[in-house]
Amino acid sequence: MAVVEATLVKGKEETRKSVCLPDGATYYDLLDALQVNSETVMVLRDGQPVPEDDRIGPGSIRILQVVSSG
């Protein structure tokens, strides 16, 4: 098990969250643990987008809420 920290960004609001995940967990597992809909966000590690099915790696994790209008 590992403690994973991430920053959730909604507009100008930023919230730091920590969750305990099993070794080998993916970014999708992180979103699930945080109860975040994966279709509404983009996950960044060290400022670069990462696929949700990648294993969580070292670095700064930011989860950005994606806003769309139609």
C-alpha atoms as a PDB file:
ATOM      1  CA  MET A   1       0.000   0.000   0.000  1.00  0.00           C
ATOM      2  CA  ALA A   2       1.115   3.522  -0.737  1.00  0.00           C
ATOM      3  CA  VAL A   3      -0.200   6.949   0.163  1.00  0.00           C
ATOM      4  CA  VAL A   4      -0.836   8.978  -2.985  1.00  0.00           C
ATOM      5  CA  GLU A   5      -1.277  12.744  -2.826  1.00  0.00           C
ATOM      6  CA  ALA A   6      -3.012  14.727  -5.545  1.00  0.00           C
ATOM      7  CA  THR A   7      -4.228  18.268  -6.045  1.00  0.00           C
ATOM      8  CA  LEU A   8      -7.794  18.639  -7.346  1.00  0.00           C
ATOM      9  CA  VAL A   9      -8.233  21.823  -9.387  1.00  0.00           C
ATOM     10  CA  LYS A  10     -11.705  23.285 -10.030  1.00  0.00           C
ATOM     11  CA  GLY A  11     -11.372  26.739 -11.565  1.00  0.00           C
ATOM     12  CA  LYS A  12      -9.285  28.767  -9.117  1.00  0.00           C
ATOM     13  CA  GLU A  13      -9.944  26.403  -6.208  1.00  0.00           C
ATOM     14  CA  GLU A  14      -7.268  23.820  -5.353  1.00  0.00           C
ATOM     15  CA  THR A  15      -7.717  21.029  -2.811  1.00  0.00           C
ATOM     16  CA  ARG A  16      -5.026  18.555  -1.715  1.00  0.00           C
ATOM     17  CA  LYS A  17      -6.192  14.994  -1.121  1.00  0.00           C
ATOM     18  CA  SER A  18      -4.414  11.858   0.101  1.00  0.00           C
ATOM     19  CA  VAL A  19      -5.572   8.287  -0.421  1.00  0.00           C
ATOM     20  CA  CYS A  20      -4.118   4.869   0.332  1.00  0.00           C
ATOM     21  CA  LEU A  21      -3.851   2.685  -2.773  1.00  0.00           C
ATOM     22  CA  PRO A  22      -2.352  -0.749  -3.442  1.00  0.00           C
ATOM     23  CA  ASP A  23       1.029  -1.019  -5.139  1.00  0.00           C
ATOM     24  CA  GLY A  24       0.635  -0.936  -8.917  1.00  0.00           C
ATOM     25  CA  ALA A  25      -2.516   1.215  -8.783  1.00  0.00           C
ATOM     26  CA  THR A  26      -3.454   3.235 -11.862  1.00  0.00           C
ATOM     27  CA  TYR A  27      -4.631   6.823 -12.212  1.00  0.00           C
ATOM     28  CA  TYR A  28      -8.124   5.418 -12.801  1.00  0.00           C
ATOM     29  CA  ASP A  29      -7.869   3.728  -9.363  1.00  0.00           C
ATOM     30  CA  LEU A  30      -6.905   7.107  -7.894  1.00  0.00           C
ATOM     31  CA  LEU A  31      -9.893   8.840  -9.490  1.00  0.00           C
ATOM     32  CA  ASP A  32     -12.186   6.063  -8.261  1.00  0.00           C
ATOM     33  CA  ALA A  33     -10.848   6.373  -4.700  1.00  0.00           C
ATOM     34  CA  LEU A  34     -11.401  10.143  -4.825  1.00  0.00           C
ATOM     35  CA  GLN A  35     -14.924   9.615  -6.267  1.00  0.00           C
ATOM     36  CA  VAL A  36     -14.065  11.718  -9.329  1.00  0.00           C
ATOM     37  CA  ASN A  37     -15.745  10.982 -12.675  1.00  0.00           C
ATOM     38  CA  SER A  38     -12.909  10.213 -15.099  1.00  0.00           C
ATOM     39  CA  GLU A  39     -14.891  11.718 -17.988  1.00  0.00           C
ATOM     40  CA  THR A  40     -14.822  15.186 -16.405  1.00  0.00           C
ATOM     41  CA  VAL A  41     -11.117  15.561 -15.599  1.00  0.00           C
ATOM     42  CA  MET A  42      -7.597  15.450 -16.991  1.00  0.00           C
ATOM     43  CA  VAL A  43      -4.802  13.928 -14.906  1.00  0.00           C
ATOM     44  CA  LEU A  44      -1.356  15.552 -15.043  1.00  0.00           C
ATOM     45  CA  ARG A  45       1.910  14.253 -13.603  1.00  0.00           C
ATOM     46  CA  ASP A  46       4.634  16.890 -13.420  1.00  0.00           C
ATOM     47  CA  GLY A  47       2.559  19.034 -15.782  1.00  0.00           C
ATOM     48  CA  GLN A  48       2.174  16.349 -18.479  1.00  0.00           C
ATOM     49  CA  PRO A  49      -1.086  14.500 -19.277  1.00  0.00           C
ATOM     50  CA  VAL A  50      -1.075  10.802 -18.378  1.00  0.00           C
ATOM     51  CA  PRO A  51      -3.408   7.995 -19.518  1.00  0.00           C
ATOM     52  CA  GLU A  52      -5.748   6.822 -16.785  1.00  0.00           C
ATOM     53  CA  ASP A  53      -4.637   3.216 -17.237  1.00  0.00           C
ATOM     54  CA  ASP A  54      -0.953   4.036 -16.519  1.00  0.00           C
ATOM     55  CA  ARG A  55       0.426   2.979 -13.172  1.00  0.00           C
ATOM     56  CA  ILE A  56       0.890   5.852 -10.764  1.00  0.00           C
ATOM     57  CA  GLY A  57       4.473   7.068 -10.897  1.00  0.00           C
ATOM     58  CA  PRO A  58       6.500   9.488  -8.824  1.00  0.00           C
ATOM     59  CA  GLY A  59       5.892  13.188  -9.272  1.00  0.00           C
ATOM     60  CA  SER A  60       3.365  15.909  -8.670  1.00  0.00           C
ATOM     61  CA  ILE A  61      -0.195  14.824  -9.521  1.00  0.00           C
ATOM     62  CA  ARG A  62      -2.823  17.385 -10.468  1.00  0.00           C
ATOM     63  CA  ILE A  63      -6.380  16.541 -11.455  1.00  0.00           C
ATOM     64  CA  LEU A  64      -7.948  19.303 -13.538  1.00  0.00           C
ATOM     65  CA  GLN A  65     -11.688  19.612 -13.991  1.00  0.00           C
ATOM     66  CA  VAL A  66     -12.428  19.966 -17.700  1.00  0.00           C
ATOM     67  CA  VAL A  67     -15.070  22.523 -18.609  1.00  0.00           C
ATOM     68  CA  SER A  68     -16.898  22.320 -21.890  1.00  0.00           C
ATOM     69  CA  SER A  69     -19.737  24.327 -23.270  1.00  0.00           C
ATOM     70  CA  GLY A  70     -21.908  23.637 -26.190  1.00  0.00           C
END
